[in-house]
N, C-alpha and C. Protein backbone atom coordinates (compact mmCIF):
# COMPACT_ATOMS: atom_id res chain seq x y z
N MET A 1 420.68 19.43 311.86
CA MET A 1 419.93 20.21 310.26
C MET A 1 420.50 21.02 309.29
N THR A 2 420.26 20.61 308.50
CA THR A 2 420.96 21.41 307.34
C THR A 2 420.22 22.91 307.42
N LYS A 3 421.35 23.83 307.24
CA LYS A 3 420.83 25.27 307.15
C LYS A 3 419.70 25.30 306.00
N GLY A 4 418.78 25.92 306.16
CA GLY A 4 418.01 26.48 305.19
C GLY A 4 416.94 25.22 304.63
N GLN A 5 417.05 23.79 305.54
CA GLN A 5 416.08 23.02 305.24
C GLN A 5 414.81 23.16 306.30
N PRO A 6 413.64 23.45 305.95
CA PRO A 6 412.32 23.72 306.75
C PRO A 6 411.92 22.96 307.51
N LEU A 7 411.38 22.80 308.54
CA LEU A 7 410.86 21.57 309.03
C LEU A 7 409.45 21.99 309.59
N ARG A 8 408.31 21.17 308.83
CA ARG A 8 406.67 21.47 308.70
C ARG A 8 406.30 20.59 309.79
N ALA A 9 405.52 21.45 310.56
CA ALA A 9 404.06 21.02 311.32
C ALA A 9 402.97 20.85 310.45
N ARG A 10 402.46 19.72 311.03
CA ARG A 10 400.85 19.30 310.47
C ARG A 10 400.01 19.63 311.62
N PHE A 11 398.96 20.27 311.04
CA PHE A 11 397.81 20.46 311.73
C PHE A 11 396.92 19.29 312.08
N VAL A 12 396.36 19.35 313.42
CA VAL A 12 395.25 18.22 313.68
C VAL A 12 394.14 18.16 312.84
N ARG A 13 393.60 17.50 311.90
CA ARG A 13 392.45 18.12 311.27
C ARG A 13 391.17 18.30 311.88
N LYS A 14 391.17 17.24 313.30
CA LYS A 14 389.82 17.31 313.72
C LYS A 14 389.87 17.72 315.53
N LEU A 15 389.31 19.42 315.86
CA LEU A 15 389.56 19.35 317.04
C LEU A 15 388.19 19.71 317.60
N SER A 16 388.18 19.65 319.17
CA SER A 16 386.88 19.40 319.70
C SER A 16 386.87 20.69 320.61
N VAL A 17 385.98 20.98 321.08
CA VAL A 17 384.97 22.54 322.15
C VAL A 17 384.50 21.53 322.64
N PRO A 18 385.01 21.46 324.55
CA PRO A 18 383.61 20.89 325.52
C PRO A 18 382.30 21.97 325.14
N ASN A 19 381.20 20.79 325.30
CA ASN A 19 380.19 21.04 324.97
C ASN A 19 379.50 21.47 324.12
N ALA A 20 380.20 21.57 322.89
CA ALA A 20 379.49 22.07 321.45
C ALA A 20 379.72 20.66 320.47
N PRO A 21 379.11 21.20 319.03
CA PRO A 21 379.07 20.27 317.87
C PRO A 21 380.46 20.11 317.72
N ILE A 22 380.54 18.94 317.02
CA ILE A 22 381.48 18.49 316.60
C ILE A 22 382.03 19.26 315.86
N ARG A 23 381.75 20.17 314.36
CA ARG A 23 382.08 21.10 313.91
C ARG A 23 382.98 22.34 314.53
N HIS A 24 382.49 22.12 315.62
CA HIS A 24 383.13 23.79 316.28
C HIS A 24 384.56 23.61 316.15
N MET A 25 385.03 25.01 316.53
CA MET A 25 386.21 25.34 316.05
C MET A 25 386.93 25.19 317.99
N ASP A 26 388.26 24.54 317.73
CA ASP A 26 388.66 24.74 319.20
C ASP A 26 389.78 25.98 319.08
N ALA A 27 389.52 27.12 319.35
CA ALA A 27 390.23 28.29 318.79
C ALA A 27 391.86 28.08 319.72
N PRO A 28 391.71 27.81 320.92
CA PRO A 28 393.11 27.92 321.79
C PRO A 28 394.14 26.65 321.24
N ARG A 29 393.39 25.56 320.69
CA ARG A 29 394.25 24.60 320.51
C ARG A 29 394.97 24.81 318.96
N LEU A 30 393.79 25.19 318.00
CA LEU A 30 394.26 25.88 316.80
C LEU A 30 395.57 26.38 316.52
N GLY A 31 395.31 27.56 318.10
CA GLY A 31 396.55 28.80 317.97
C GLY A 31 397.73 28.14 318.42
N ARG A 32 397.37 26.85 319.25
CA ARG A 32 399.26 26.33 319.46
C ARG A 32 399.60 25.49 318.57
N LEU A 33 398.90 25.19 317.92
CA LEU A 33 399.26 24.12 316.55
C LEU A 33 399.81 25.18 315.79
N ILE A 34 399.44 26.58 315.26
CA ILE A 34 399.80 27.34 314.64
C ILE A 34 401.02 27.59 315.25
N ALA A 35 401.04 28.14 316.47
CA ALA A 35 402.40 28.70 316.57
C ALA A 35 403.47 27.90 316.55
N LEU A 36 403.06 26.74 316.89
CA LEU A 36 404.18 25.35 316.82
C LEU A 36 404.89 25.36 315.58
N VAL A 37 404.21 25.39 314.17
CA VAL A 37 404.43 25.60 313.10
C VAL A 37 405.22 26.82 312.99
N CYS A 38 404.81 28.01 313.27
CA CYS A 38 405.60 29.05 313.58
C CYS A 38 407.11 28.85 314.02
N ALA A 39 407.10 28.34 315.09
CA ALA A 39 408.52 28.15 315.73
C ALA A 39 409.42 27.41 315.27
N VAL A 40 408.98 26.24 314.92
CA VAL A 40 409.52 24.97 313.98
C VAL A 40 409.93 25.30 312.59
N ALA A 41 409.00 26.16 312.03
CA ALA A 41 409.48 26.45 310.44
C ALA A 41 410.58 27.43 309.87
N LEU A 42 411.95 26.78 310.72
CA LEU A 42 412.84 27.74 310.10
C LEU A 42 413.25 27.63 308.75
N VAL A 43 413.48 28.44 308.25
CA VAL A 43 414.11 28.68 306.79
C VAL A 43 415.56 29.36 306.77
N GLY A 44 416.52 29.10 306.31
CA GLY A 44 417.59 29.82 306.13
C GLY A 44 417.57 30.90 305.03
N CYS A 45 417.57 32.26 305.26
CA CYS A 45 417.55 33.52 304.57
C CYS A 45 418.73 33.95 304.04
N SER A 46 419.30 34.31 302.34
CA SER A 46 420.20 34.44 302.13
C SER A 46 419.81 36.14 301.67
N GLU A 47 421.09 37.11 301.70
CA GLU A 47 421.21 38.12 301.52
C GLU A 47 419.87 38.42 300.31
N SER A 48 420.23 37.43 299.12
CA SER A 48 419.62 38.12 297.80
C SER A 48 417.93 38.18 298.61
N SER A 49 417.16 37.38 299.37
CA SER A 49 415.83 37.44 299.45
C SER A 49 415.38 38.42 300.66
N VAL A 50 416.63 39.41 300.63
CA VAL A 50 415.86 40.63 301.69
C VAL A 50 415.73 41.44 300.61
N THR A 51 414.36 41.59 301.17
CA THR A 51 413.78 42.58 300.50
C THR A 51 412.92 44.09 301.08
N LYS A 52 413.19 45.24 300.84
CA LYS A 52 412.80 46.51 301.98
C LYS A 52 413.39 46.11 303.18
N GLY A 53 414.65 45.78 303.52
CA GLY A 53 414.88 45.59 304.92
C GLY A 53 414.53 44.67 305.85
N ALA A 54 413.70 43.59 304.97
CA ALA A 54 413.22 42.19 305.92
C ALA A 54 412.90 41.26 304.58
N PRO A 55 413.63 40.07 305.35
CA PRO A 55 413.61 39.08 304.08
C PRO A 55 412.48 38.38 304.01
N GLU A 56 412.34 38.18 302.41
CA GLU A 56 411.22 37.73 302.05
C GLU A 56 410.63 36.63 302.54
N CYS A 57 411.28 35.59 303.34
CA CYS A 57 410.88 34.43 303.85
C CYS A 57 410.17 34.87 304.72
N SER A 58 410.38 36.11 305.48
CA SER A 58 409.78 36.30 306.94
C SER A 58 407.81 36.94 306.75
N GLN A 59 408.15 37.18 305.41
CA GLN A 59 406.66 37.73 304.87
C GLN A 59 405.71 36.67 304.38
N LEU A 60 404.46 36.66 304.62
CA LEU A 60 403.18 36.02 304.94
C LEU A 60 402.96 35.54 302.92
N ARG A 61 403.41 34.37 302.63
CA ARG A 61 403.35 34.44 301.05
C ARG A 61 402.40 33.19 300.84
N ALA A 62 401.68 33.28 299.46
CA ALA A 62 401.05 32.08 299.26
C ALA A 62 401.65 31.07 298.61
N CYS A 63 401.47 29.89 298.84
CA CYS A 63 402.32 28.54 297.99
C CYS A 63 401.23 28.13 297.44
N GLY A 64 401.48 26.68 296.41
CA GLY A 64 400.78 25.91 295.85
C GLY A 64 400.16 26.14 294.99
N SER A 65 398.86 25.47 294.66
CA SER A 65 398.48 25.63 293.36
C SER A 65 397.55 26.92 293.13
N SER A 66 397.10 27.22 292.21
CA SER A 66 396.99 28.45 291.88
C SER A 66 395.05 28.17 291.46
N ALA A 67 394.69 26.72 291.59
CA ALA A 67 393.50 26.29 291.39
C ALA A 67 392.73 26.16 292.53
N PRO A 68 391.65 26.96 292.10
CA PRO A 68 390.48 26.57 293.39
C PRO A 68 390.41 25.56 294.19
N ALA A 69 389.98 24.93 295.09
CA ALA A 69 390.15 23.60 295.44
C ALA A 69 388.86 23.00 295.50
N PRO A 70 388.63 21.73 295.44
CA PRO A 70 387.39 21.04 294.86
C PRO A 70 386.26 21.58 295.85
N SER A 71 384.72 22.05 295.02
CA SER A 71 383.70 22.77 295.60
C SER A 71 383.04 21.91 296.81
N THR A 72 383.45 20.68 296.99
CA THR A 72 383.17 19.63 297.85
C THR A 72 383.68 19.89 299.04
N GLU A 73 384.98 20.37 299.10
CA GLU A 73 385.60 20.31 300.56
C GLU A 73 385.10 21.12 301.93
N VAL A 74 385.30 21.14 302.61
CA VAL A 74 384.80 21.63 303.89
C VAL A 74 386.20 21.55 304.78
N PRO A 75 385.89 22.78 305.04
CA PRO A 75 386.91 23.27 306.18
C PRO A 75 386.82 22.68 307.51
N PRO A 76 387.97 22.03 308.00
CA PRO A 76 387.81 20.89 309.02
C PRO A 76 387.44 21.86 310.17
N GLU A 77 388.31 23.27 310.33
CA GLU A 77 387.78 24.14 311.92
C GLU A 77 387.06 25.41 311.33
N HIS A 78 385.77 25.58 311.79
CA HIS A 78 385.03 26.86 311.33
C HIS A 78 384.67 26.82 312.46
N ARG A 79 384.08 28.36 312.60
CA ARG A 79 383.02 29.01 314.23
C ARG A 79 381.31 28.45 313.52
N SER A 80 381.31 27.76 314.04
CA SER A 80 379.36 27.29 313.75
C SER A 80 378.70 28.14 314.67
N THR A 81 379.53 28.63 316.12
CA THR A 81 378.84 29.29 317.22
C THR A 81 379.87 30.18 317.63
N ALA A 82 379.64 30.99 318.34
CA ALA A 82 380.72 32.12 319.15
C ALA A 82 380.95 31.36 320.25
N GLN A 83 382.26 31.43 320.76
CA GLN A 83 382.88 30.77 321.63
C GLN A 83 383.22 31.67 323.05
N ALA A 84 382.70 31.75 324.25
CA ALA A 84 382.75 32.66 324.88
C ALA A 84 384.41 31.74 325.83
N CYS A 85 385.25 32.96 326.38
CA CYS A 85 386.66 32.41 327.02
C CYS A 85 386.28 32.81 328.15
N GLY A 86 387.29 32.07 329.27
CA GLY A 86 387.29 32.51 330.33
C GLY A 86 388.39 33.18 330.92
N ARG A 87 389.20 33.44 331.73
CA ARG A 87 389.93 34.79 332.19
C ARG A 87 391.11 33.67 331.88
N THR A 88 392.09 34.48 331.54
CA THR A 88 393.60 34.05 331.69
C THR A 88 393.82 33.62 332.96
N PRO A 89 394.49 32.64 333.95
CA PRO A 89 394.91 33.03 335.01
C PRO A 89 396.63 33.04 335.07
N ALA A 90 396.98 34.05 335.94
CA ALA A 90 398.16 34.52 335.92
C ALA A 90 399.36 33.29 336.01
N ALA A 91 399.23 32.38 336.07
CA ALA A 91 400.10 31.30 335.98
C ALA A 91 400.08 30.33 334.28
N ALA A 92 399.57 30.43 333.51
CA ALA A 92 399.30 30.59 331.80
C ALA A 92 400.61 31.65 331.35
N MET A 93 400.69 32.49 332.25
CA MET A 93 401.27 33.40 331.44
C MET A 93 402.99 33.35 332.23
N VAL A 94 403.93 32.64 331.79
CA VAL A 94 404.72 31.77 332.25
C VAL A 94 405.97 33.14 332.11
N PHE A 95 406.15 33.72 331.36
CA PHE A 95 407.08 35.08 330.90
C PHE A 95 406.73 36.54 331.50
N SER A 96 405.53 36.87 331.80
CA SER A 96 405.05 38.00 332.51
C SER A 96 403.66 37.48 333.19
N PRO A 97 403.79 36.85 334.41
CA PRO A 97 402.50 36.92 335.15
C PRO A 97 401.78 38.02 335.41
N TYR A 98 400.48 38.01 335.09
CA TYR A 98 399.61 39.30 335.80
C TYR A 98 398.84 38.44 336.58
N ARG A 99 399.32 39.35 337.85
CA ARG A 99 398.87 38.59 339.18
C ARG A 99 397.74 39.43 339.52
N LEU A 100 397.44 40.60 338.95
CA LEU A 100 396.19 41.31 339.16
C LEU A 100 394.81 40.68 338.97
N THR A 101 394.94 39.34 338.39
CA THR A 101 393.35 38.46 337.64
C THR A 101 392.65 38.83 338.38
N GLY A 102 391.43 39.63 338.23
CA GLY A 102 390.46 39.00 339.10
C GLY A 102 390.21 40.65 340.10
N THR A 103 390.97 41.41 340.37
CA THR A 103 390.86 42.37 341.33
C THR A 103 389.89 43.06 340.78
N PRO A 104 388.71 43.14 341.55
CA PRO A 104 387.55 44.45 341.23
C PRO A 104 388.01 45.62 340.88
N CYS A 105 387.37 46.01 339.91
CA CYS A 105 387.72 47.62 339.44
C CYS A 105 386.51 48.26 338.98
N THR A 106 386.78 49.41 338.67
CA THR A 106 385.74 50.69 337.91
C THR A 106 386.58 51.05 336.84
N GLY A 107 387.51 51.13 336.81
CA GLY A 107 388.32 51.67 335.29
C GLY A 107 389.94 50.94 335.33
N ASP A 108 390.07 51.44 334.34
CA ASP A 108 391.79 50.51 333.56
C ASP A 108 393.01 50.82 334.70
N ASP A 109 392.97 52.62 335.28
CA ASP A 109 393.95 52.30 335.65
C ASP A 109 394.81 51.54 336.82
N PRO A 110 393.88 50.70 338.07
CA PRO A 110 394.22 49.89 339.07
C PRO A 110 394.86 48.69 338.29
N CYS A 111 394.49 48.23 336.81
CA CYS A 111 395.15 47.42 336.53
C CYS A 111 396.29 47.26 335.43
N THR A 112 396.76 48.38 335.85
CA THR A 112 398.18 48.67 334.61
C THR A 112 399.25 48.72 335.43
N THR A 113 399.61 48.33 336.74
CA THR A 113 400.73 48.61 337.63
C THR A 113 401.15 47.29 337.58
N ASP A 114 401.14 45.90 337.28
CA ASP A 114 401.71 44.70 337.50
C ASP A 114 402.91 44.68 336.86
N ALA A 115 404.04 45.03 337.18
CA ALA A 115 405.48 44.87 336.56
C ALA A 115 405.34 45.41 334.86
N GLY A 116 404.29 46.15 334.58
CA GLY A 116 404.29 46.87 333.28
C GLY A 116 403.38 45.70 332.57
N VAL A 117 402.99 44.96 332.61
CA VAL A 117 402.19 44.22 332.05
C VAL A 117 400.79 44.92 331.68
N PRO A 118 400.51 45.19 330.78
CA PRO A 118 399.35 45.66 330.26
C PRO A 118 398.04 45.12 330.46
N GLY A 119 397.38 45.79 331.28
CA GLY A 119 396.02 44.95 331.89
C GLY A 119 394.68 45.71 331.78
N LYS A 120 393.58 45.56 331.36
CA LYS A 120 392.40 46.65 331.73
C LYS A 120 391.24 46.39 332.63
N CYS A 121 390.49 46.68 332.38
CA CYS A 121 389.13 46.55 333.49
C CYS A 121 388.16 45.84 332.19
N LEU A 122 387.85 44.58 332.71
CA LEU A 122 386.93 43.82 331.81
C LEU A 122 386.14 43.37 332.88
N HIS A 123 384.99 43.90 332.45
CA HIS A 123 383.77 43.02 333.20
C HIS A 123 383.84 43.18 334.63
N GLY A 124 384.44 44.25 335.15
CA GLY A 124 384.34 44.68 336.48
C GLY A 124 385.68 44.38 337.44
N ALA A 125 386.74 43.55 336.44
CA ALA A 125 388.08 43.03 337.17
C ALA A 125 389.12 43.05 336.32
N CYS A 126 389.63 43.25 337.02
CA CYS A 126 391.35 43.33 336.17
C CYS A 126 391.51 42.44 335.55
N SER A 127 392.29 42.25 334.02
CA SER A 127 392.84 40.71 333.13
C SER A 127 393.68 41.75 332.29
N ALA A 128 394.75 40.85 331.66
CA ALA A 128 395.30 41.02 330.97
C ALA A 128 394.94 40.56 329.81
N ASP A 129 394.04 39.95 329.67
CA ASP A 129 392.94 39.45 328.42
C ASP A 129 392.54 40.84 327.70
N GLU A 130 392.06 40.69 326.52
CA GLU A 130 391.74 41.95 325.65
C GLU A 130 390.24 41.41 325.71
N CYS A 131 389.29 40.21 325.50
CA CYS A 131 388.17 39.90 325.72
C CYS A 131 387.75 38.99 326.07
N LEU A 132 386.31 38.55 326.76
CA LEU A 132 386.04 37.56 326.94
C LEU A 132 384.89 36.94 326.16
N THR A 133 384.12 37.85 325.28
CA THR A 133 383.06 37.37 324.04
C THR A 133 383.46 38.32 322.87
N ASP A 134 382.82 37.87 321.96
CA ASP A 134 383.10 38.31 320.85
C ASP A 134 382.50 40.16 320.87
N ASP A 135 381.56 40.54 321.69
CA ASP A 135 381.54 41.55 321.82
C ASP A 135 382.23 42.68 322.51
N ASP A 136 383.05 41.91 323.09
CA ASP A 136 384.34 42.96 323.54
C ASP A 136 385.22 43.53 322.85
N CYS A 137 385.40 42.83 321.20
CA CYS A 137 385.89 43.11 320.50
C CYS A 137 385.18 44.47 319.16
N ALA A 138 386.21 45.05 319.13
CA ALA A 138 385.44 46.18 317.86
C ALA A 138 385.37 45.94 316.99
N ASN A 139 384.80 46.71 315.84
CA ASN A 139 384.28 46.50 314.20
C ASN A 139 384.24 45.04 314.13
N GLY A 140 383.55 44.09 314.86
CA GLY A 140 383.16 43.09 314.18
C GLY A 140 384.59 42.25 314.40
N GLY A 141 385.56 42.37 315.62
CA GLY A 141 386.36 41.08 315.55
C GLY A 141 386.11 40.37 316.84
N VAL A 142 386.83 39.27 316.35
CA VAL A 142 386.67 37.93 317.14
C VAL A 142 387.45 37.72 318.40
N CYS A 143 387.11 37.38 319.55
CA CYS A 143 387.74 37.12 320.49
C CYS A 143 388.02 35.55 320.53
N VAL A 144 389.63 35.24 320.60
CA VAL A 144 390.13 33.94 320.38
C VAL A 144 390.90 33.65 321.34
N CYS A 145 390.00 32.94 322.39
CA CYS A 145 390.68 32.21 323.65
C CYS A 145 392.35 31.30 324.04
N SER A 146 392.79 32.63 324.82
CA SER A 146 394.02 31.94 325.17
C SER A 146 394.30 30.38 325.44
N SER A 147 395.85 29.99 325.47
CA SER A 147 396.07 28.40 325.60
C SER A 147 396.00 28.58 327.23
N PRO A 148 395.54 27.18 327.58
CA PRO A 148 395.17 26.66 329.11
C PRO A 148 396.12 26.27 329.59
N THR A 149 397.87 26.55 329.08
CA THR A 149 398.86 25.91 329.93
C THR A 149 399.80 26.88 329.76
N GLY A 150 400.87 27.05 330.44
CA GLY A 150 402.12 28.35 329.67
C GLY A 150 403.09 27.47 329.20
N SER A 151 403.07 26.04 328.17
CA SER A 151 403.75 25.38 327.75
C SER A 151 403.55 25.81 326.32
N SER A 152 402.58 27.04 325.24
CA SER A 152 402.26 27.37 324.38
C SER A 152 403.65 28.49 323.99
N ALA A 153 403.86 28.15 322.88
CA ALA A 153 404.94 29.59 321.93
C ALA A 153 404.16 30.73 322.08
N ILE A 154 402.64 31.02 321.84
CA ILE A 154 401.95 32.23 321.83
C ILE A 154 401.93 33.16 323.04
N VAL A 155 401.53 34.15 322.84
CA VAL A 155 401.07 35.00 324.18
C VAL A 155 400.15 34.46 325.37
N ASN A 156 399.87 33.96 326.12
CA ASN A 156 398.70 33.58 326.99
C ASN A 156 397.95 34.48 327.61
N ARG A 157 397.13 35.03 326.49
CA ARG A 157 395.89 35.24 327.15
C ARG A 157 394.85 35.88 325.67
N ASN A 158 393.52 36.13 326.22
CA ASN A 158 392.64 36.01 324.93
C ASN A 158 392.98 37.61 323.96
N SER A 159 392.68 37.31 322.79
CA SER A 159 393.50 38.53 321.88
C SER A 159 391.79 38.69 320.97
N CYS A 160 391.52 39.83 320.35
CA CYS A 160 390.78 40.65 319.37
C CYS A 160 391.40 40.28 318.31
N VAL A 161 390.99 39.19 317.01
CA VAL A 161 391.63 39.56 316.03
C VAL A 161 389.94 40.21 314.74
N PRO A 162 391.01 40.48 313.79
CA PRO A 162 389.50 40.89 312.64
C PRO A 162 389.39 40.15 312.13
N GLY A 163 388.19 40.39 311.14
CA GLY A 163 387.86 39.32 310.28
C GLY A 163 386.54 39.92 309.67
N ASN A 164 385.95 39.30 308.78
CA ASN A 164 384.75 39.83 307.90
C ASN A 164 383.33 38.64 308.09
N CYS A 165 383.67 38.05 309.61
CA CYS A 165 382.28 37.00 309.79
C CYS A 165 382.99 36.74 311.35
N ARG A 166 381.78 36.68 312.34
CA ARG A 166 381.83 35.73 313.63
C ARG A 166 381.33 34.24 314.00
N VAL A 167 380.66 33.97 312.80
CA VAL A 167 380.25 32.65 313.00
C VAL A 167 379.62 32.19 311.48
N ASP A 168 379.24 30.98 311.19
CA ASP A 168 379.25 30.34 309.96
C ASP A 168 378.03 31.13 309.35
N ALA A 169 376.85 31.41 309.81
CA ALA A 169 375.59 32.31 309.79
C ALA A 169 375.97 33.45 308.64
N ASP A 170 377.19 33.93 309.10
CA ASP A 170 377.66 35.48 308.72
C ASP A 170 377.94 35.12 307.34
N CYS A 171 378.19 34.12 306.79
CA CYS A 171 379.22 34.02 305.96
C CYS A 171 377.89 33.26 304.66
N GLY A 172 376.45 33.62 304.94
CA GLY A 172 375.21 32.64 304.24
C GLY A 172 374.69 31.50 303.99
N VAL A 173 374.20 30.89 303.68
CA VAL A 173 373.43 29.76 303.84
C VAL A 173 374.93 28.86 303.19
N GLY A 174 375.24 27.64 304.03
CA GLY A 174 376.14 26.90 304.00
C GLY A 174 377.29 27.37 303.79
N GLY A 175 377.52 28.69 304.34
CA GLY A 175 378.71 29.14 304.24
C GLY A 175 379.63 28.74 305.56
N HIS A 176 380.63 29.14 305.82
CA HIS A 176 382.03 28.83 307.09
C HIS A 176 382.69 30.19 306.81
N CYS A 177 383.13 29.99 308.40
CA CYS A 177 383.57 31.26 309.00
C CYS A 177 384.74 30.85 309.60
N ALA A 178 386.12 30.59 309.07
CA ALA A 178 387.16 30.03 309.09
C ALA A 178 388.14 30.77 309.79
N PRO A 179 389.21 29.86 310.51
CA PRO A 179 390.31 31.16 310.90
C PRO A 179 391.32 31.16 310.03
N SER A 180 391.93 32.46 309.81
CA SER A 180 393.35 32.54 309.19
C SER A 180 394.84 32.10 310.10
N ALA A 181 395.69 31.55 309.44
CA ALA A 181 396.85 31.07 310.72
C ALA A 181 397.47 32.17 310.11
N GLY A 182 398.25 32.86 310.99
CA GLY A 182 399.18 33.92 310.89
C GLY A 182 400.59 33.73 311.40
N THR A 183 401.49 34.40 311.83
CA THR A 183 402.49 34.30 312.21
C THR A 183 402.99 33.52 313.32
N CYS A 184 401.91 34.03 314.05
CA CYS A 184 401.87 32.90 315.50
C CYS A 184 400.86 32.92 316.23
N GLY A 185 399.82 32.37 315.65
CA GLY A 185 398.61 31.93 316.05
C GLY A 185 397.64 32.46 314.80
N ILE A 186 396.33 32.45 315.46
CA ILE A 186 395.29 33.01 314.60
C ILE A 186 395.13 34.22 314.21
N ALA A 187 394.97 34.48 312.99
CA ALA A 187 395.43 35.88 312.59
C ALA A 187 393.76 36.75 312.26
N GLY A 188 392.86 36.00 312.17
CA GLY A 188 391.40 36.31 311.96
C GLY A 188 390.75 35.13 311.44
N PHE A 189 389.25 35.65 311.68
CA PHE A 189 387.87 34.87 311.03
C PHE A 189 387.83 35.30 309.78
N PHE A 190 387.69 34.52 308.72
CA PHE A 190 387.24 35.23 307.52
C PHE A 190 386.15 33.98 306.67
N CYS A 191 385.30 34.62 306.23
CA CYS A 191 384.11 33.51 304.99
C CYS A 191 384.90 32.96 303.74
N ARG A 192 384.85 31.40 303.92
CA ARG A 192 385.53 30.81 302.77
C ARG A 192 384.71 31.45 301.32
N THR A 193 385.15 31.53 300.45
CA THR A 193 384.88 31.73 299.36
C THR A 193 385.28 30.30 298.02
N PRO A 194 384.14 30.46 296.78
CA PRO A 194 385.21 29.69 296.08
C PRO A 194 386.18 30.14 295.36
N ALA A 195 386.63 30.87 295.79
CA ALA A 195 388.29 31.40 294.86
C ALA A 195 389.46 30.29 295.68
N ASP A 196 389.03 30.02 297.13
CA ASP A 196 389.90 29.30 298.01
C ASP A 196 390.59 28.08 297.10
N THR A 197 391.77 28.37 297.25
CA THR A 197 393.09 27.45 297.01
C THR A 197 393.61 26.20 298.26
N CYS A 198 392.94 26.60 299.37
CA CYS A 198 393.67 25.91 300.58
C CYS A 198 391.99 26.04 301.46
N VAL A 199 391.21 24.92 301.24
CA VAL A 199 390.14 24.73 302.52
C VAL A 199 390.49 24.04 303.59
N ASP A 200 391.07 22.97 303.37
CA ASP A 200 391.29 21.92 304.36
C ASP A 200 393.21 21.50 304.08
N ALA A 201 394.03 22.13 304.64
CA ALA A 201 395.19 22.25 304.88
C ALA A 201 395.86 20.97 304.63
N ALA A 202 395.63 19.89 304.98
CA ALA A 202 396.04 18.52 304.78
C ALA A 202 395.71 17.75 303.43
N LYS A 203 394.92 18.51 303.04
CA LYS A 203 394.52 18.06 301.31
C LYS A 203 395.21 18.76 300.43
N ASP A 204 395.01 20.31 300.87
CA ASP A 204 395.11 20.85 299.39
C ASP A 204 397.24 21.75 299.44
N CYS A 205 397.42 21.32 300.91
CA CYS A 205 398.95 21.87 300.62
C CYS A 205 400.26 21.31 300.50
N GLY A 206 400.78 20.92 299.72
CA GLY A 206 401.95 20.11 299.40
C GLY A 206 403.17 19.89 300.17
N ALA A 207 404.10 19.07 300.03
CA ALA A 207 405.12 18.95 301.21
C ALA A 207 405.87 20.24 300.61
N SER A 208 405.86 21.44 299.88
CA SER A 208 406.61 22.30 299.73
C SER A 208 405.90 23.69 300.12
N CYS A 209 404.77 23.70 301.27
CA CYS A 209 403.64 24.26 301.87
C CYS A 209 403.65 24.02 303.36
N LEU A 210 403.70 24.93 304.10
CA LEU A 210 403.28 24.71 305.30
C LEU A 210 401.57 24.01 305.84
N GLN A 211 401.13 23.13 306.27
CA GLN A 211 400.02 22.64 306.76
C GLN A 211 399.02 23.82 306.89
N ALA A 212 398.94 25.22 306.60
CA ALA A 212 398.03 25.83 307.01
C ALA A 212 397.34 26.66 306.13
N CYS A 213 396.27 27.43 306.26
CA CYS A 213 395.52 28.28 305.41
C CYS A 213 395.51 29.70 305.77
N HIS A 214 395.87 30.50 305.17
CA HIS A 214 396.00 32.24 305.16
C HIS A 214 395.16 32.81 304.58
N TYR A 215 394.12 33.64 305.13
CA TYR A 215 392.97 34.61 303.81
C TYR A 215 394.18 35.78 303.67
N PHE A 216 394.15 35.82 302.21
CA PHE A 216 395.18 36.73 301.55
C PHE A 216 394.15 38.03 301.40
N PRO A 217 393.84 39.31 301.76
CA PRO A 217 392.89 39.99 300.91
C PRO A 217 392.90 40.63 299.67
N GLU A 218 394.19 40.63 299.46
CA GLU A 218 393.92 41.02 297.68
C GLU A 218 393.74 39.58 297.00
N LYS A 219 394.01 38.89 297.48
CA LYS A 219 393.22 37.66 296.53
C LYS A 219 391.60 37.26 296.85
N ASN A 220 391.21 37.95 298.11
CA ASN A 220 390.03 37.55 298.34
C ASN A 220 389.47 36.57 298.88
N ALA A 221 390.81 35.64 299.15
CA ALA A 221 390.68 34.04 299.30
C ALA A 221 391.84 33.57 300.32
N PHE A 222 391.75 31.97 300.79
CA PHE A 222 392.32 31.67 301.44
C PHE A 222 393.53 30.70 300.38
N ALA A 223 394.52 30.41 300.79
CA ALA A 223 395.73 30.14 300.15
C ALA A 223 396.80 29.40 301.15
N CYS A 224 397.51 28.27 300.60
CA CYS A 224 398.24 27.59 301.67
C CYS A 224 399.51 28.62 301.94
N LEU A 225 400.01 28.58 303.20
CA LEU A 225 401.29 29.21 303.75
C LEU A 225 402.72 28.93 303.34
N ALA A 226 403.38 29.49 302.71
CA ALA A 226 405.03 29.46 302.11
C ALA A 226 405.61 29.01 303.48
N PRO A 227 406.61 27.98 303.58
CA PRO A 227 407.47 28.43 304.58
C PRO A 227 407.83 29.18 305.37
N MET A 228 408.39 29.72 306.45
CA MET A 228 408.82 31.01 307.15
C MET A 228 409.66 30.88 307.48
N CYS A 229 410.55 31.74 307.86
CA CYS A 229 411.69 31.71 308.35
C CYS A 229 411.91 32.89 309.83
N GLY A 230 412.26 32.81 310.83
CA GLY A 230 412.21 33.17 311.91
C GLY A 230 411.07 32.34 312.95
N GLY A 231 411.10 32.45 314.26
CA GLY A 231 409.93 32.78 315.23
C GLY A 231 409.06 33.47 315.83
N CYS A 232 408.13 33.42 316.46
CA CYS A 232 407.33 34.43 317.12
C CYS A 232 408.07 35.16 317.86
């Protein structure tokens, strides 16, 4: 492989959740796909691209057209209803197994002594997870479920991510609450806007961009992600 040549991963457009409507978001699978993009999108960074102590290519940057995507486009992944997560089993955390999972507790103290892995008392049992449902997340955050296997490049535990919505209904009539791709997984959930230049990454992101949509607060809109250097 020539140094500086990015490898790009393509996202699966249609994801499914057991016992859920077709348009539901399968957050664990999308998280693994985003992590795969992160792991293989390696770009050689020259010294001239280093800014403020960090390579420019390591930053989340917009890519592609500045024109809004067609208003008829619908994001292939969005959260029509909230998704509850199960507890992440110790076996799924291959690098730092959390063996106290499920141990009864009334406070966090007995849950933080397993090989230094940060744990907490979650709904009466020790867990490495941050959440099981959205209600466990502060400030309107969303609970993103962990990967079901130990083969993922991302940290295998349920995590709270920020956003301005939890389900489609929070975005108004006909709105969509969609995931924002981050460096190593889902970075948050945000309402789609008319200014979005990335709605369906497979259609809107060209060959020079990653096949992923990220929400940029300064733009108040989603845009395609530029190739990045480094990994998770």
